[in-house]
Each structure stands twice: as C-alpha cells, then as structure tokens.
Amino acid sequence: METFYEKYGGEETISKVVDYFYDLVLADHTVNDFFKNTDMEKQRKHQTKFISYALGGPNQYTDQSMAKVHAGTNLQPNHFDAIVMHLRAALTHFGVSEGDIADALNKVESLRDDILYK
C-alpha cells in the first residue's frame, strides 16, 4: 500500500507543507513566541524530516524524544491545538484528502502527552 509520504510527492512536497505551516505558526500570536529564538531554517529542515518519517517516509529523524525536545516549554493544550489547526490548514492548502488529513492528525495527536506540560 502506498504511504501518505509517497502519495503526495515525498520530502519535496512535505517541505512545502512545512514552509506554509510555519508561515501560519509564525503569524499566530498564540504560539509564535515559542519560536522567537529558533533558527527557523534549521527548524524547517528538522520538521520536514520528522513529518516525512511520521507519514511513512524514510527514517532520517535521529533526534531526541518529543518530551526532551519540548522540555522547558510548558506547552498547554491551547498551544497544541493551535499547531494542529495550522497543520490541518497547510495540508488542506496542498490538496491532501480529508481522510489522509485525519490519519496525519491522529499521528500528531498520539504525541500530545509527550509534548504538553514539559
């Protein structure tokens, strides 16, 4: 069965989705403070690798656990929900089907406990 990653054009497409996603995130005052001291070029590349892997692509993601990455951020449910909303908007913008968006967001949702309140 074709993975989401293959179906939508692999890392090249996911990179475009990630760029659009971060444009939305950085324009959102609810969450953009979390990225004020972040090297966004590095963050975009890192997130592209992570999302590619999460959606069935090759595992190029060799970084720390989600809990470690988010340590000290004290992300709250409203922050997580804003990120999910922007990811949904980015996937929709690039023509991803509603069923595939639901699958992708379910994967993201499974990380909620590893990310919140750290």
N, C-alpha and C. Protein backbone atom coordinates (compact mmCIF):
# COMPACT_ATOMS: atom_id res chain seq x y z
N MET A 1 0.83 -1.19 0.00
CA MET A 1 0.00 0.00 0.00
C MET A 1 0.88 1.26 0.00
N GLU A 2 0.49 2.21 -0.79
CA GLU A 2 1.24 3.46 -0.91
C GLU A 2 1.10 4.28 0.37
N THR A 3 2.23 4.75 0.88
CA THR A 3 2.19 5.57 2.10
C THR A 3 1.75 6.99 1.74
N PHE A 4 1.31 7.68 2.74
CA PHE A 4 0.96 9.11 2.62
C PHE A 4 2.14 9.85 1.99
N TYR A 5 3.34 9.55 2.50
CA TYR A 5 4.58 10.18 2.03
C TYR A 5 4.73 10.02 0.51
N GLU A 6 4.53 8.80 0.01
CA GLU A 6 4.68 8.53 -1.43
C GLU A 6 3.53 9.16 -2.22
N LYS A 7 2.34 9.06 -1.70
CA LYS A 7 1.14 9.52 -2.39
C LYS A 7 1.20 11.01 -2.72
N TYR A 8 1.80 11.79 -1.83
CA TYR A 8 1.78 13.25 -2.01
C TYR A 8 3.12 13.83 -2.49
N GLY A 9 4.05 13.01 -2.90
CA GLY A 9 5.24 13.54 -3.54
C GLY A 9 6.49 13.58 -2.69
N GLY A 10 6.48 12.86 -1.58
CA GLY A 10 7.69 12.71 -0.78
C GLY A 10 8.15 13.98 -0.10
N GLU A 11 9.44 14.00 0.20
CA GLU A 11 10.01 15.07 1.02
C GLU A 11 9.89 16.45 0.37
N GLU A 12 9.92 16.50 -0.95
CA GLU A 12 9.82 17.81 -1.63
C GLU A 12 8.48 18.47 -1.31
N THR A 13 7.41 17.71 -1.40
CA THR A 13 6.08 18.25 -1.08
C THR A 13 5.97 18.54 0.41
N ILE A 14 6.44 17.63 1.23
CA ILE A 14 6.34 17.82 2.68
C ILE A 14 7.10 19.08 3.09
N SER A 15 8.22 19.35 2.45
CA SER A 15 8.98 20.56 2.72
C SER A 15 8.14 21.80 2.44
N LYS A 16 7.36 21.79 1.36
CA LYS A 16 6.49 22.92 1.02
C LYS A 16 5.37 23.06 2.05
N VAL A 17 4.82 21.93 2.48
CA VAL A 17 3.78 21.95 3.51
C VAL A 17 4.35 22.54 4.80
N VAL A 18 5.56 22.11 5.18
CA VAL A 18 6.20 22.60 6.40
C VAL A 18 6.45 24.11 6.30
N ASP A 19 6.91 24.59 5.16
CA ASP A 19 7.14 26.03 4.99
C ASP A 19 5.84 26.81 5.18
N TYR A 20 4.79 26.34 4.55
CA TYR A 20 3.48 27.00 4.66
C TYR A 20 2.99 26.95 6.11
N PHE A 21 3.13 25.79 6.74
CA PHE A 21 2.76 25.58 8.14
C PHE A 21 3.45 26.59 9.05
N TYR A 22 4.77 26.73 8.90
CA TYR A 22 5.50 27.67 9.76
C TYR A 22 5.15 29.13 9.46
N ASP A 23 4.78 29.44 8.22
CA ASP A 23 4.30 30.79 7.93
C ASP A 23 3.04 31.08 8.75
N LEU A 24 2.16 30.09 8.84
CA LEU A 24 0.93 30.25 9.64
C LEU A 24 1.27 30.35 11.13
N VAL A 25 2.15 29.47 11.59
CA VAL A 25 2.54 29.44 13.01
C VAL A 25 3.18 30.77 13.43
N LEU A 26 4.09 31.27 12.61
CA LEU A 26 4.81 32.49 12.97
C LEU A 26 3.92 33.73 12.92
N ALA A 27 2.79 33.63 12.24
CA ALA A 27 1.83 34.74 12.20
C ALA A 27 0.81 34.65 13.34
N ASP A 28 0.87 33.59 14.12
CA ASP A 28 -0.10 33.34 15.18
C ASP A 28 0.48 33.74 16.53
N HIS A 29 -0.07 34.77 17.14
CA HIS A 29 0.46 35.27 18.42
C HIS A 29 0.25 34.29 19.57
N THR A 30 -0.60 33.30 19.37
CA THR A 30 -0.81 32.27 20.40
C THR A 30 0.44 31.43 20.60
N VAL A 31 1.18 31.19 19.50
CA VAL A 31 2.30 30.24 19.55
C VAL A 31 3.62 30.77 19.03
N ASN A 32 3.65 31.92 18.37
CA ASN A 32 4.90 32.33 17.72
C ASN A 32 6.02 32.68 18.70
N ASP A 33 5.69 33.01 19.95
CA ASP A 33 6.74 33.28 20.94
C ASP A 33 7.63 32.08 21.20
N PHE A 34 7.08 30.88 21.02
CA PHE A 34 7.88 29.67 21.25
C PHE A 34 9.04 29.56 20.25
N PHE A 35 8.95 30.30 19.15
CA PHE A 35 9.95 30.20 18.09
C PHE A 35 10.82 31.44 17.96
N LYS A 36 10.69 32.40 18.90
CA LYS A 36 11.39 33.67 18.75
C LYS A 36 12.91 33.53 18.76
N ASN A 37 13.44 32.51 19.43
CA ASN A 37 14.90 32.30 19.47
C ASN A 37 15.31 31.05 18.70
N THR A 38 14.50 30.67 17.74
CA THR A 38 14.74 29.44 16.98
C THR A 38 15.35 29.75 15.62
N ASP A 39 16.33 28.97 15.23
CA ASP A 39 16.87 29.03 13.87
C ASP A 39 15.82 28.37 12.97
N MET A 40 15.02 29.19 12.30
CA MET A 40 13.86 28.65 11.58
C MET A 40 14.25 27.82 10.35
N GLU A 41 15.37 28.13 9.74
CA GLU A 41 15.80 27.30 8.61
C GLU A 41 16.10 25.88 9.10
N LYS A 42 16.83 25.80 10.20
CA LYS A 42 17.14 24.50 10.80
C LYS A 42 15.85 23.81 11.27
N GLN A 43 14.95 24.57 11.89
CA GLN A 43 13.69 24.03 12.39
C GLN A 43 12.84 23.46 11.25
N ARG A 44 12.78 24.18 10.14
CA ARG A 44 12.00 23.72 8.98
C ARG A 44 12.57 22.42 8.42
N LYS A 45 13.88 22.34 8.31
CA LYS A 45 14.51 21.10 7.81
C LYS A 45 14.25 19.94 8.76
N HIS A 46 14.41 20.20 10.03
CA HIS A 46 14.20 19.19 11.06
C HIS A 46 12.75 18.69 11.03
N GLN A 47 11.81 19.62 10.96
CA GLN A 47 10.39 19.27 10.96
C GLN A 47 10.02 18.51 9.69
N THR A 48 10.63 18.86 8.56
CA THR A 48 10.37 18.15 7.31
C THR A 48 10.78 16.69 7.45
N LYS A 49 11.95 16.44 8.04
CA LYS A 49 12.41 15.06 8.25
C LYS A 49 11.48 14.32 9.20
N PHE A 50 11.07 14.98 10.28
CA PHE A 50 10.18 14.34 11.24
C PHE A 50 8.82 14.02 10.61
N ILE A 51 8.22 14.99 9.94
CA ILE A 51 6.90 14.76 9.34
C ILE A 51 6.99 13.73 8.22
N SER A 52 8.07 13.76 7.45
CA SER A 52 8.26 12.75 6.41
C SER A 52 8.26 11.35 7.01
N TYR A 53 8.98 11.18 8.09
CA TYR A 53 9.04 9.89 8.77
C TYR A 53 7.67 9.51 9.34
N ALA A 54 7.01 10.47 9.98
CA ALA A 54 5.70 10.21 10.58
C ALA A 54 4.65 9.80 9.54
N LEU A 55 4.85 10.23 8.31
CA LEU A 55 3.88 9.95 7.25
C LEU A 55 4.33 8.83 6.32
N GLY A 56 5.28 8.01 6.79
CA GLY A 56 5.64 6.81 6.05
C GLY A 56 6.89 6.91 5.21
N GLY A 57 7.62 8.00 5.33
CA GLY A 57 8.86 8.16 4.58
C GLY A 57 10.03 7.54 5.32
N PRO A 58 11.23 7.71 4.78
CA PRO A 58 12.42 7.13 5.42
C PRO A 58 12.68 7.75 6.78
N ASN A 59 13.26 6.97 7.67
CA ASN A 59 13.57 7.48 9.00
C ASN A 59 14.91 8.20 8.97
N GLN A 60 14.84 9.52 8.78
CA GLN A 60 16.04 10.35 8.85
C GLN A 60 16.03 11.13 10.14
N TYR A 61 15.06 10.81 10.97
CA TYR A 61 14.84 11.54 12.21
C TYR A 61 15.59 10.82 13.32
N THR A 62 16.69 11.40 13.77
CA THR A 62 17.54 10.73 14.76
C THR A 62 17.71 11.56 16.01
N ASP A 63 16.80 12.49 16.21
CA ASP A 63 16.96 13.41 17.32
C ASP A 63 16.38 12.86 18.62
N GLN A 64 16.31 13.73 19.60
CA GLN A 64 15.85 13.37 20.93
C GLN A 64 14.35 13.06 20.94
N SER A 65 13.90 12.51 22.06
CA SER A 65 12.48 12.21 22.23
C SER A 65 11.67 13.50 22.23
N MET A 66 10.39 13.37 21.95
CA MET A 66 9.49 14.53 21.95
C MET A 66 9.48 15.21 23.31
N ALA A 67 9.49 14.44 24.37
CA ALA A 67 9.48 15.02 25.72
C ALA A 67 10.73 15.87 25.95
N LYS A 68 11.90 15.37 25.53
CA LYS A 68 13.14 16.13 25.71
C LYS A 68 13.16 17.39 24.87
N VAL A 69 12.71 17.27 23.62
CA VAL A 69 12.71 18.42 22.71
C VAL A 69 11.84 19.55 23.26
N HIS A 70 10.75 19.20 23.92
CA HIS A 70 9.81 20.21 24.40
C HIS A 70 10.00 20.55 25.88
N ALA A 71 11.06 20.02 26.49
CA ALA A 71 11.34 20.31 27.91
C ALA A 71 11.51 21.80 28.12
N GLY A 72 10.87 22.31 29.15
CA GLY A 72 11.01 23.72 29.49
C GLY A 72 10.07 24.65 28.74
N THR A 73 9.30 24.12 27.80
CA THR A 73 8.39 24.98 27.03
C THR A 73 7.04 25.16 27.73
N ASN A 74 6.68 24.20 28.56
CA ASN A 74 5.39 24.21 29.25
C ASN A 74 4.23 24.49 28.29
N LEU A 75 4.22 23.77 27.18
CA LEU A 75 3.14 23.92 26.21
C LEU A 75 1.82 23.48 26.84
N GLN A 76 0.78 24.26 26.58
CA GLN A 76 -0.55 24.00 27.10
C GLN A 76 -1.46 23.46 25.98
N PRO A 77 -2.60 22.88 26.34
CA PRO A 77 -3.50 22.34 25.30
C PRO A 77 -3.86 23.34 24.20
N ASN A 78 -4.06 24.61 24.55
CA ASN A 78 -4.42 25.58 23.51
C ASN A 78 -3.27 25.79 22.51
N HIS A 79 -2.03 25.66 22.96
CA HIS A 79 -0.88 25.78 22.05
C HIS A 79 -0.85 24.57 21.11
N PHE A 80 -1.01 23.39 21.67
CA PHE A 80 -1.01 22.17 20.87
C PHE A 80 -2.13 22.24 19.83
N ASP A 81 -3.31 22.66 20.27
CA ASP A 81 -4.46 22.74 19.36
C ASP A 81 -4.21 23.75 18.24
N ALA A 82 -3.54 24.86 18.54
CA ALA A 82 -3.23 25.85 17.50
C ALA A 82 -2.29 25.25 16.46
N ILE A 83 -1.29 24.50 16.91
CA ILE A 83 -0.35 23.86 15.99
C ILE A 83 -1.09 22.86 15.10
N VAL A 84 -1.97 22.07 15.69
CA VAL A 84 -2.76 21.09 14.93
C VAL A 84 -3.62 21.82 13.89
N MET A 85 -4.24 22.92 14.29
CA MET A 85 -5.08 23.70 13.38
C MET A 85 -4.26 24.19 12.18
N HIS A 86 -3.04 24.66 12.44
CA HIS A 86 -2.19 25.16 11.34
C HIS A 86 -1.71 24.03 10.45
N LEU A 87 -1.44 22.88 11.04
CA LEU A 87 -1.04 21.73 10.22
C LEU A 87 -2.21 21.30 9.33
N ARG A 88 -3.40 21.27 9.89
CA ARG A 88 -4.59 20.94 9.09
C ARG A 88 -4.73 21.93 7.92
N ALA A 89 -4.58 23.21 8.20
CA ALA A 89 -4.71 24.24 7.15
C ALA A 89 -3.65 24.05 6.06
N ALA A 90 -2.42 23.74 6.47
CA ALA A 90 -1.34 23.55 5.50
C ALA A 90 -1.61 22.32 4.62
N LEU A 91 -2.05 21.22 5.23
CA LEU A 91 -2.34 20.01 4.47
C LEU A 91 -3.51 20.25 3.52
N THR A 92 -4.52 20.96 3.98
CA THR A 92 -5.67 21.29 3.14
C THR A 92 -5.23 22.15 1.96
N HIS A 93 -4.39 23.14 2.24
CA HIS A 93 -3.90 24.05 1.20
C HIS A 93 -3.22 23.29 0.07
N PHE A 94 -2.53 22.20 0.42
CA PHE A 94 -1.81 21.43 -0.60
C PHE A 94 -2.62 20.25 -1.16
N GLY A 95 -3.93 20.27 -0.92
CA GLY A 95 -4.81 19.30 -1.58
C GLY A 95 -4.82 17.91 -0.98
N VAL A 96 -4.40 17.78 0.25
CA VAL A 96 -4.44 16.47 0.90
C VAL A 96 -5.90 16.13 1.21
N SER A 97 -6.28 14.88 0.97
CA SER A 97 -7.66 14.47 1.19
C SER A 97 -8.01 14.51 2.68
N GLU A 98 -9.29 14.66 2.97
CA GLU A 98 -9.76 14.74 4.35
C GLU A 98 -9.40 13.47 5.13
N GLY A 99 -9.50 12.31 4.50
CA GLY A 99 -9.15 11.05 5.17
C GLY A 99 -7.68 11.00 5.53
N ASP A 100 -6.83 11.47 4.62
CA ASP A 100 -5.39 11.47 4.89
C ASP A 100 -5.03 12.52 5.94
N ILE A 101 -5.73 13.64 5.93
CA ILE A 101 -5.50 14.65 6.97
C ILE A 101 -5.87 14.07 8.33
N ALA A 102 -6.99 13.37 8.40
CA ALA A 102 -7.41 12.75 9.67
C ALA A 102 -6.35 11.76 10.16
N ASP A 103 -5.81 10.95 9.26
CA ASP A 103 -4.75 9.99 9.64
C ASP A 103 -3.52 10.73 10.16
N ALA A 104 -3.11 11.77 9.45
CA ALA A 104 -1.92 12.53 9.86
C ALA A 104 -2.13 13.18 11.22
N LEU A 105 -3.31 13.77 11.42
CA LEU A 105 -3.58 14.45 12.69
C LEU A 105 -3.73 13.47 13.84
N ASN A 106 -4.19 12.25 13.54
CA ASN A 106 -4.23 11.22 14.59
C ASN A 106 -2.82 10.87 15.06
N LYS A 107 -1.88 10.83 14.11
CA LYS A 107 -0.49 10.56 14.49
C LYS A 107 0.06 11.69 15.37
N VAL A 108 -0.25 12.91 15.00
CA VAL A 108 0.18 14.07 15.79
C VAL A 108 -0.47 14.01 17.18
N GLU A 109 -1.75 13.71 17.20
CA GLU A 109 -2.50 13.64 18.47
C GLU A 109 -1.88 12.61 19.42
N SER A 110 -1.35 11.54 18.87
CA SER A 110 -0.75 10.49 19.71
C SER A 110 0.49 10.99 20.46
N LEU A 111 1.02 12.14 20.05
CA LEU A 111 2.20 12.72 20.69
C LEU A 111 1.85 13.73 21.79
N ARG A 112 0.57 14.04 21.92
CA ARG A 112 0.12 15.09 22.85
C ARG A 112 0.72 14.93 24.24
N ASP A 113 0.63 13.73 24.81
CA ASP A 113 1.11 13.52 26.19
C ASP A 113 2.63 13.68 26.32
N ASP A 114 3.35 13.46 25.22
CA ASP A 114 4.82 13.62 25.25
C ASP A 114 5.24 15.08 25.12
N ILE A 115 4.31 15.93 24.72
CA ILE A 115 4.64 17.32 24.41
C ILE A 115 4.13 18.30 25.47
N LEU A 116 2.94 18.07 25.99
CA LEU A 116 2.33 19.05 26.90
C LEU A 116 2.96 19.06 28.28
N TYR A 117 2.95 20.24 28.87
CA TYR A 117 3.37 20.48 30.27
C TYR A 117 4.80 20.07 30.57
N LYS A 118 5.68 20.07 29.60
CA LYS A 118 7.08 19.65 29.82
C LYS A 118 7.92 20.83 30.27
